[in-house]
């Protein structure tokens, strides 16, 4: 993991920052398994996903509210 990614995920865990697509994909230098073309595709994916879903979707999807019902039995007490 790239040191920048570790710092970002710690901030997300502390609640200092919301998750975003750039954090989800990680810093390109931490993805040594990708080719130059792979890095370009990743950058386009971050831009496209942010544009399509807006910046508010991923935090809601990744950390649903405690009040969200996940299973019907959750509301049976």
PDB file of N, CA and C in Angstrom:
ATOM      1  N   UNK A   1       0.849  -1.177   0.000  1.00  0.00           N
ATOM      2  CA  UNK A   1       0.000   0.000   0.000  1.00  0.00           C
ATOM      3  C   UNK A   1       0.893   1.238   0.000  1.00  0.00           C
ATOM      4  N   UNK A   2       0.548   2.164  -0.840  1.00  0.00           N
ATOM      5  CA  UNK A   2       1.290   3.421  -0.909  1.00  0.00           C
ATOM      6  C   UNK A   2       1.068   4.193   0.402  1.00  0.00           C
ATOM      7  N   UNK A   3       2.109   4.855   0.926  1.00  0.00           N
ATOM      8  CA  UNK A   3       1.951   5.599   2.178  1.00  0.00           C
ATOM      9  C   UNK A   3       0.815   6.625   2.135  1.00  0.00           C
ATOM     10  N   UNK A   4       0.606   7.230   0.988  1.00  0.00           N
ATOM     11  CA  UNK A   4      -0.494   8.191   0.851  1.00  0.00           C
ATOM     12  C   UNK A   4      -1.841   7.502   1.044  1.00  0.00           C
ATOM     13  N   UNK A   5      -1.974   6.276   0.514  1.00  0.00           N
ATOM     14  CA  UNK A   5      -3.218   5.533   0.676  1.00  0.00           C
ATOM     15  C   UNK A   5      -3.459   5.194   2.140  1.00  0.00           C
ATOM     16  N   UNK A   6      -2.405   4.801   2.819  1.00  0.00           N
ATOM     17  CA  UNK A   6      -2.550   4.467   4.242  1.00  0.00           C
ATOM     18  C   UNK A   6      -3.033   5.683   5.024  1.00  0.00           C
ATOM     19  N   UNK A   7      -2.469   6.833   4.736  1.00  0.00           N
ATOM     20  CA  UNK A   7      -2.869   8.072   5.405  1.00  0.00           C
ATOM     21  C   UNK A   7      -4.336   8.400   5.111  1.00  0.00           C
ATOM     22  N   UNK A   8      -4.736   8.229   3.854  1.00  0.00           N
ATOM     23  CA  UNK A   8      -6.119   8.512   3.457  1.00  0.00           C
ATOM     24  C   UNK A   8      -7.087   7.566   4.156  1.00  0.00           C
ATOM     25  N   UNK A   9      -6.765   6.264   4.191  1.00  0.00           N
ATOM     26  CA  UNK A   9      -7.669   5.297   4.830  1.00  0.00           C
ATOM     27  C   UNK A   9      -7.753   5.513   6.330  1.00  0.00           C
ATOM     28  N   UNK A  10      -6.670   5.927   6.944  1.00  0.00           N
ATOM     29  CA  UNK A  10      -6.728   6.252   8.382  1.00  0.00           C
ATOM     30  C   UNK A  10      -7.654   7.451   8.612  1.00  0.00           C
ATOM     31  N   UNK A  11      -7.575   8.461   7.755  1.00  0.00           N
ATOM     32  CA  UNK A  11      -8.461   9.628   7.871  1.00  0.00           C
ATOM     33  C   UNK A  11      -9.918   9.222   7.666  1.00  0.00           C
ATOM     34  N   UNK A  12     -10.162   8.321   6.729  1.00  0.00           N
ATOM     35  CA  UNK A  12     -11.523   7.821   6.502  1.00  0.00           C
ATOM     36  C   UNK A  12     -12.007   7.074   7.738  1.00  0.00           C
ATOM     37  N   UNK A  13     -11.169   6.199   8.286  1.00  0.00           N
ATOM     38  CA  UNK A  13     -11.542   5.443   9.484  1.00  0.00           C
ATOM     39  C   UNK A  13     -11.834   6.346  10.679  1.00  0.00           C
ATOM     40  N   UNK A  14     -11.096   7.437  10.804  1.00  0.00           N
ATOM     41  CA  UNK A  14     -11.311   8.385  11.915  1.00  0.00           C
ATOM     42  C   UNK A  14     -12.535   9.265  11.687  1.00  0.00           C
ATOM     43  N   UNK A  15     -13.035   9.282  10.477  1.00  0.00           N
ATOM     44  CA  UNK A  15     -14.161  10.143  10.149  1.00  0.00           C
ATOM     45  C   UNK A  15     -13.740  11.541   9.748  1.00  0.00           C
ATOM     46  N   UNK A  16     -12.445  11.733   9.510  1.00  0.00           N
ATOM     47  CA  UNK A  16     -11.930  13.039   9.102  1.00  0.00           C
ATOM     48  C   UNK A  16     -12.148  13.307   7.619  1.00  0.00           C
ATOM     49  N   UNK A  17     -12.429  12.271   6.864  1.00  0.00           N
ATOM     50  CA  UNK A  17     -12.586  12.382   5.420  1.00  0.00           C
ATOM     51  C   UNK A  17     -13.568  11.314   4.966  1.00  0.00           C
ATOM     52  N   UNK A  18     -14.359  11.631   3.966  1.00  0.00           N
ATOM     53  CA  UNK A  18     -15.249  10.629   3.399  1.00  0.00           C
ATOM     54  C   UNK A  18     -14.498   9.849   2.331  1.00  0.00           C
ATOM     55  N   UNK A  19     -14.916   8.630   2.111  1.00  0.00           N
ATOM     56  CA  UNK A  19     -14.332   7.822   1.048  1.00  0.00           C
ATOM     57  C   UNK A  19     -14.725   8.428  -0.299  1.00  0.00           C
ATOM     58  N   UNK A  20     -13.841   8.347  -1.243  1.00  0.00           N
ATOM     59  CA  UNK A  20     -14.128   8.784  -2.605  1.00  0.00           C
ATOM     60  C   UNK A  20     -13.489   7.777  -3.556  1.00  0.00           C
ATOM     61  N   UNK A  21     -13.734   7.970  -4.850  1.00  0.00           N
ATOM     62  CA  UNK A  21     -13.235   6.994  -5.821  1.00  0.00           C
ATOM     63  C   UNK A  21     -11.714   6.976  -5.886  1.00  0.00           C
ATOM     64  N   UNK A  22     -11.077   8.114  -5.666  1.00  0.00           N
ATOM     65  CA  UNK A  22      -9.618   8.146  -5.677  1.00  0.00           C
ATOM     66  C   UNK A  22      -9.054   7.289  -4.543  1.00  0.00           C
ATOM     67  N   UNK A  23      -9.664   7.363  -3.372  1.00  0.00           N
ATOM     68  CA  UNK A  23      -9.233   6.521  -2.247  1.00  0.00           C
ATOM     69  C   UNK A  23      -9.515   5.051  -2.555  1.00  0.00           C
ATOM     70  N   UNK A  24     -10.671   4.788  -3.147  1.00  0.00           N
ATOM     71  CA  UNK A  24     -11.068   3.405  -3.451  1.00  0.00           C
ATOM     72  C   UNK A  24     -10.047   2.724  -4.369  1.00  0.00           C
ATOM     73  N   UNK A  25      -9.628   3.430  -5.417  1.00  0.00           N
ATOM     74  CA  UNK A  25      -8.673   2.853  -6.364  1.00  0.00           C
ATOM     75  C   UNK A  25      -7.238   2.929  -5.873  1.00  0.00           C
ATOM     76  N   UNK A  26      -6.930   3.898  -5.034  1.00  0.00           N
ATOM     77  CA  UNK A  26      -5.583   4.016  -4.497  1.00  0.00           C
ATOM     78  C   UNK A  26      -4.640   4.796  -5.391  1.00  0.00           C
ATOM     79  N   UNK A  27      -3.528   5.173  -4.801  1.00  0.00           N
ATOM     80  CA  UNK A  27      -2.506   5.948  -5.503  1.00  0.00           C
ATOM     81  C   UNK A  27      -1.866   5.075  -6.581  1.00  0.00           C
ATOM     82  N   UNK A  28      -1.656   5.607  -7.778  1.00  0.00           N
ATOM     83  CA  UNK A  28      -1.092   4.802  -8.867  1.00  0.00           C
ATOM     84  C   UNK A  28       0.271   4.187  -8.534  1.00  0.00           C
ATOM     85  N   UNK A  29       1.061   4.868  -7.732  1.00  0.00           N
ATOM     86  CA  UNK A  29       2.377   4.319  -7.388  1.00  0.00           C
ATOM     87  C   UNK A  29       2.266   3.073  -6.516  1.00  0.00           C
ATOM     88  N   UNK A  30       1.125   2.870  -5.884  1.00  0.00           N
ATOM     89  CA  UNK A  30       0.907   1.674  -5.084  1.00  0.00           C
ATOM     90  C   UNK A  30       0.368   0.516  -5.908  1.00  0.00           C
ATOM     91  N   UNK A  31       0.138   0.752  -7.192  1.00  0.00           N
ATOM     92  CA  UNK A  31      -0.422  -0.274  -8.081  1.00  0.00           C
ATOM     93  C   UNK A  31       0.624  -0.672  -9.114  1.00  0.00           C
ATOM     94  N   UNK A  32       1.741  -1.213  -8.635  1.00  0.00           N
ATOM     95  CA  UNK A  32       2.823  -1.613  -9.520  1.00  0.00           C
ATOM     96  C   UNK A  32       2.441  -2.715 -10.494  1.00  0.00           C
ATOM     97  N   UNK A  33       1.328  -3.389 -10.247  1.00  0.00           N
ATOM     98  CA  UNK A  33       0.853  -4.464 -11.119  1.00  0.00           C
ATOM     99  C   UNK A  33       0.175  -3.925 -12.372  1.00  0.00           C
ATOM    100  N   UNK A  34      -0.092  -2.606 -12.412  1.00  0.00           N
ATOM    101  CA  UNK A  34      -0.741  -2.017 -13.579  1.00  0.00           C
ATOM    102  C   UNK A  34       0.287  -1.487 -14.568  1.00  0.00           C
ATOM    103  N   UNK A  35      -0.030  -1.604 -15.835  1.00  0.00           N
ATOM    104  CA  UNK A  35       0.793  -1.006 -16.883  1.00  0.00           C
ATOM    105  C   UNK A  35       0.477   0.488 -16.953  1.00  0.00           C
ATOM    106  N   UNK A  36       1.197   1.197 -17.798  1.00  0.00           N
ATOM    107  CA  UNK A  36       0.915   2.620 -18.000  1.00  0.00           C
ATOM    108  C   UNK A  36      -0.524   2.805 -18.488  1.00  0.00           C
ATOM    109  N   UNK A  37      -0.958   1.924 -19.373  1.00  0.00           N
ATOM    110  CA  UNK A  37      -2.340   1.996 -19.865  1.00  0.00           C
ATOM    111  C   UNK A  37      -3.324   1.732 -18.725  1.00  0.00           C
ATOM    112  N   UNK A  38      -2.979   0.824 -17.838  1.00  0.00           N
ATOM    113  CA  UNK A  38      -3.831   0.533 -16.683  1.00  0.00           C
ATOM    114  C   UNK A  38      -3.973   1.739 -15.769  1.00  0.00           C
ATOM    115  N   UNK A  39      -2.886   2.471 -15.594  1.00  0.00           N
ATOM    116  CA  UNK A  39      -2.943   3.694 -14.783  1.00  0.00           C
ATOM    117  C   UNK A  39      -3.854   4.729 -15.437  1.00  0.00           C
ATOM    118  N   UNK A  40      -3.784   4.836 -16.763  1.00  0.00           N
ATOM    119  CA  UNK A  40      -4.652   5.775 -17.479  1.00  0.00           C
ATOM    120  C   UNK A  40      -6.121   5.383 -17.338  1.00  0.00           C
ATOM    121  N   UNK A  41      -6.402   4.104 -17.452  1.00  0.00           N
ATOM    122  CA  UNK A  41      -7.783   3.631 -17.316  1.00  0.00           C
ATOM    123  C   UNK A  41      -8.287   3.900 -15.902  1.00  0.00           C
ATOM    124  N   UNK A  42      -7.435   3.680 -14.913  1.00  0.00           N
ATOM    125  CA  UNK A  42      -7.830   3.927 -13.526  1.00  0.00           C
ATOM    126  C   UNK A  42      -8.163   5.398 -13.323  1.00  0.00           C
ATOM    127  N   UNK A  43      -7.332   6.283 -13.847  1.00  0.00           N
ATOM    128  CA  UNK A  43      -7.593   7.717 -13.718  1.00  0.00           C
ATOM    129  C   UNK A  43      -8.912   8.092 -14.396  1.00  0.00           C
ATOM    130  N   UNK A  44      -9.178   7.505 -15.556  1.00  0.00           N
ATOM    131  CA  UNK A  44     -10.448   7.770 -16.250  1.00  0.00           C
ATOM    132  C   UNK A  44     -11.622   7.203 -15.462  1.00  0.00           C
ATOM    133  N   UNK A  45     -11.421   6.041 -14.843  1.00  0.00           N
ATOM    134  CA  UNK A  45     -12.487   5.438 -14.040  1.00  0.00           C
ATOM    135  C   UNK A  45     -12.835   6.324 -12.847  1.00  0.00           C
ATOM    136  N   UNK A  46     -11.823   6.845 -12.175  1.00  0.00           N
ATOM    137  CA  UNK A  46     -12.063   7.747 -11.038  1.00  0.00           C
ATOM    138  C   UNK A  46     -12.872   8.953 -11.495  1.00  0.00           C
ATOM    139  N   UNK A  47     -12.461   9.558 -12.600  1.00  0.00           N
ATOM    140  CA  UNK A  47     -13.159  10.735 -13.126  1.00  0.00           C
ATOM    141  C   UNK A  47     -14.585  10.381 -13.540  1.00  0.00           C
ATOM    142  N   UNK A  48     -14.737   9.280 -14.272  1.00  0.00           N
ATOM    143  CA  UNK A  48     -16.053   8.886 -14.761  1.00  0.00           C
ATOM    144  C   UNK A  48     -17.009   8.493 -13.646  1.00  0.00           C
ATOM    145  N   UNK A  49     -16.529   7.722 -12.683  1.00  0.00           N
ATOM    146  CA  UNK A  49     -17.387   7.297 -11.575  1.00  0.00           C
ATOM    147  C   UNK A  49     -17.793   8.485 -10.706  1.00  0.00           C
ATOM    148  N   UNK A  50     -16.861   9.403 -10.488  1.00  0.00           N
ATOM    149  CA  UNK A  50     -17.186  10.600  -9.707  1.00  0.00           C
ATOM    150  C   UNK A  50     -18.234  11.431 -10.439  1.00  0.00           C
ATOM    151  N   UNK A  51     -18.078  11.556 -11.733  1.00  0.00           N
ATOM    152  CA  UNK A  51     -19.027  12.329 -12.531  1.00  0.00           C
ATOM    153  C   UNK A  51     -20.399  11.648 -12.576  1.00  0.00           C
ATOM    154  N   UNK A  52     -20.419  10.331 -12.777  1.00  0.00           N
ATOM    155  CA  UNK A  52     -21.678   9.606 -12.924  1.00  0.00           C
ATOM    156  C   UNK A  52     -22.432   9.498 -11.605  1.00  0.00           C
ATOM    157  N   UNK A  53     -21.734   9.085 -10.551  1.00  0.00           N
ATOM    158  CA  UNK A  53     -22.391   8.828  -9.268  1.00  0.00           C
ATOM    159  C   UNK A  53     -22.436  10.044  -8.350  1.00  0.00           C
ATOM    160  N   UNK A  54     -21.664  11.087  -8.664  1.00  0.00           N
ATOM    161  CA  UNK A  54     -21.527  12.250  -7.792  1.00  0.00           C
ATOM    162  C   UNK A  54     -20.637  11.843  -6.613  1.00  0.00           C
ATOM    163  N   UNK A  55     -20.160  12.810  -5.905  1.00  0.00           N
ATOM    164  CA  UNK A  55     -19.233  12.518  -4.819  1.00  0.00           C
ATOM    165  C   UNK A  55     -19.939  12.044  -3.559  1.00  0.00           C
ATOM    166  N   UNK A  56     -21.264  12.106  -3.523  1.00  0.00           N
ATOM    167  CA  UNK A  56     -21.993  11.712  -2.307  1.00  0.00           C
ATOM    168  C   UNK A  56     -22.419  10.254  -2.300  1.00  0.00           C
ATOM    169  N   UNK A  57     -22.380   9.579  -3.435  1.00  0.00           N
ATOM    170  CA  UNK A  57     -22.904   8.216  -3.516  1.00  0.00           C
ATOM    171  C   UNK A  57     -22.017   7.211  -2.798  1.00  0.00           C
ATOM    172  N   UNK A  58     -20.720   7.213  -3.071  1.00  0.00           N
ATOM    173  CA  UNK A  58     -19.837   6.186  -2.512  1.00  0.00           C
ATOM    174  C   UNK A  58     -19.813   6.194  -0.991  1.00  0.00           C
ATOM    175  N   UNK A  59     -19.724   7.342  -0.326  1.00  0.00           N
ATOM    176  CA  UNK A  59     -19.749   7.301   1.144  1.00  0.00           C
ATOM    177  C   UNK A  59     -21.032   6.677   1.685  1.00  0.00           C
ATOM    178  N   UNK A  60     -22.145   6.958   1.050  1.00  0.00           N
ATOM    179  CA  UNK A  60     -23.414   6.375   1.500  1.00  0.00           C
ATOM    180  C   UNK A  60     -23.445   4.869   1.242  1.00  0.00           C
ATOM    181  N   UNK A  61     -22.925   4.451   0.108  1.00  0.00           N
ATOM    182  CA  UNK A  61     -22.937   3.031  -0.238  1.00  0.00           C
ATOM    183  C   UNK A  61     -21.950   2.232   0.608  1.00  0.00           C
ATOM    184  N   UNK A  62     -20.809   2.831   0.919  1.00  0.00           N
ATOM    185  CA  UNK A  62     -19.765   2.121   1.665  1.00  0.00           C
ATOM    186  C   UNK A  62     -20.033   2.093   3.156  1.00  0.00           C
ATOM    187  N   UNK A  63     -20.753   3.076   3.661  1.00  0.00           N
ATOM    188  CA  UNK A  63     -21.041   3.137   5.096  1.00  0.00           C
ATOM    189  C   UNK A  63     -22.511   3.478   5.297  1.00  0.00           C
ATOM    190  N   UNK A  64     -23.382   2.494   5.131  1.00  0.00           N
ATOM    191  CA  UNK A  64     -24.806   2.769   5.293  1.00  0.00           C
ATOM    192  C   UNK A  64     -25.109   3.200   6.728  1.00  0.00           C
ATOM    193  N   UNK A  65     -26.147   3.954   6.871  1.00  0.00           N
ATOM    194  CA  UNK A  65     -26.507   4.448   8.194  1.00  0.00           C
ATOM    195  C   UNK A  65     -26.894   3.281   9.096  1.00  0.00           C
ATOM    196  N   UNK A  66     -26.680   3.419  10.394  1.00  0.00           N
ATOM    197  CA  UNK A  66     -27.055   2.359  11.329  1.00  0.00           C
ATOM    198  C   UNK A  66     -28.547   2.069  11.297  1.00  0.00           C
ATOM    199  N   UNK A  67     -29.327   3.052  10.899  1.00  0.00           N
ATOM    200  CA  UNK A  67     -30.774   2.862  10.854  1.00  0.00           C
ATOM    201  C   UNK A  67     -31.223   2.072   9.629  1.00  0.00           C
ATOM    202  N   UNK A  68     -30.309   1.886   8.671  1.00  0.00           N
ATOM    203  CA  UNK A  68     -30.688   1.163   7.449  1.00  0.00           C
ATOM    204  C   UNK A  68     -30.969  -0.295   7.778  1.00  0.00           C
ATOM    205  N   UNK A  69     -32.080  -0.799   7.277  1.00  0.00           N
ATOM    206  CA  UNK A  69     -32.418  -2.203   7.490  1.00  0.00           C
ATOM    207  C   UNK A  69     -31.703  -3.039   6.457  1.00  0.00           C
ATOM    208  N   UNK A  70     -30.939  -3.979   6.916  1.00  0.00           N
ATOM    209  CA  UNK A  70     -30.213  -4.852   6.002  1.00  0.00           C
ATOM    210  C   UNK A  70     -30.999  -6.138   5.739  1.00  0.00           C
ATOM    211  N   UNK A  71     -31.712  -6.601   6.744  1.00  0.00           N
ATOM    212  CA  UNK A  71     -32.491  -7.825   6.634  1.00  0.00           C
ATOM    213  C   UNK A  71     -33.844  -7.559   7.294  1.00  0.00           C
ATOM    214  N   UNK A  72     -34.911  -8.182   6.811  1.00  0.00           N
ATOM    215  CA  UNK A  72     -36.211  -7.968   7.443  1.00  0.00           C
ATOM    216  C   UNK A  72     -36.200  -8.265   8.938  1.00  0.00           C
ATOM    217  N   UNK A  73     -35.418  -9.237   9.381  1.00  0.00           N
ATOM    218  CA  UNK A  73     -35.387  -9.605  10.801  1.00  0.00           C
ATOM    219  C   UNK A  73     -34.733  -8.524  11.661  1.00  0.00           C
ATOM    220  N   UNK A  74     -33.995  -7.585  11.060  1.00  0.00           N
ATOM    221  CA  UNK A  74     -33.362  -6.512  11.831  1.00  0.00           C
ATOM    222  C   UNK A  74     -34.391  -5.664  12.565  1.00  0.00           C
ATOM    223  N   UNK A  75     -35.586  -5.579  12.041  1.00  0.00           N
ATOM    224  CA  UNK A  75     -36.594  -4.696  12.636  1.00  0.00           C
ATOM    225  C   UNK A  75     -37.472  -5.436  13.638  1.00  0.00           C
ATOM    226  N   UNK A  76     -37.262  -6.725  13.834  1.00  0.00           N
ATOM    227  CA  UNK A  76     -38.127  -7.509  14.725  1.00  0.00           C
ATOM    228  C   UNK A  76     -37.737  -7.385  16.192  1.00  0.00           C
ATOM    229  N   UNK A  77     -36.590  -6.850  16.465  1.00  0.00           N
ATOM    230  CA  UNK A  77     -36.171  -6.581  17.838  1.00  0.00           C
ATOM    231  C   UNK A  77     -35.866  -7.793  18.582  1.00  0.00           C
TER     232      UNK A  77
END
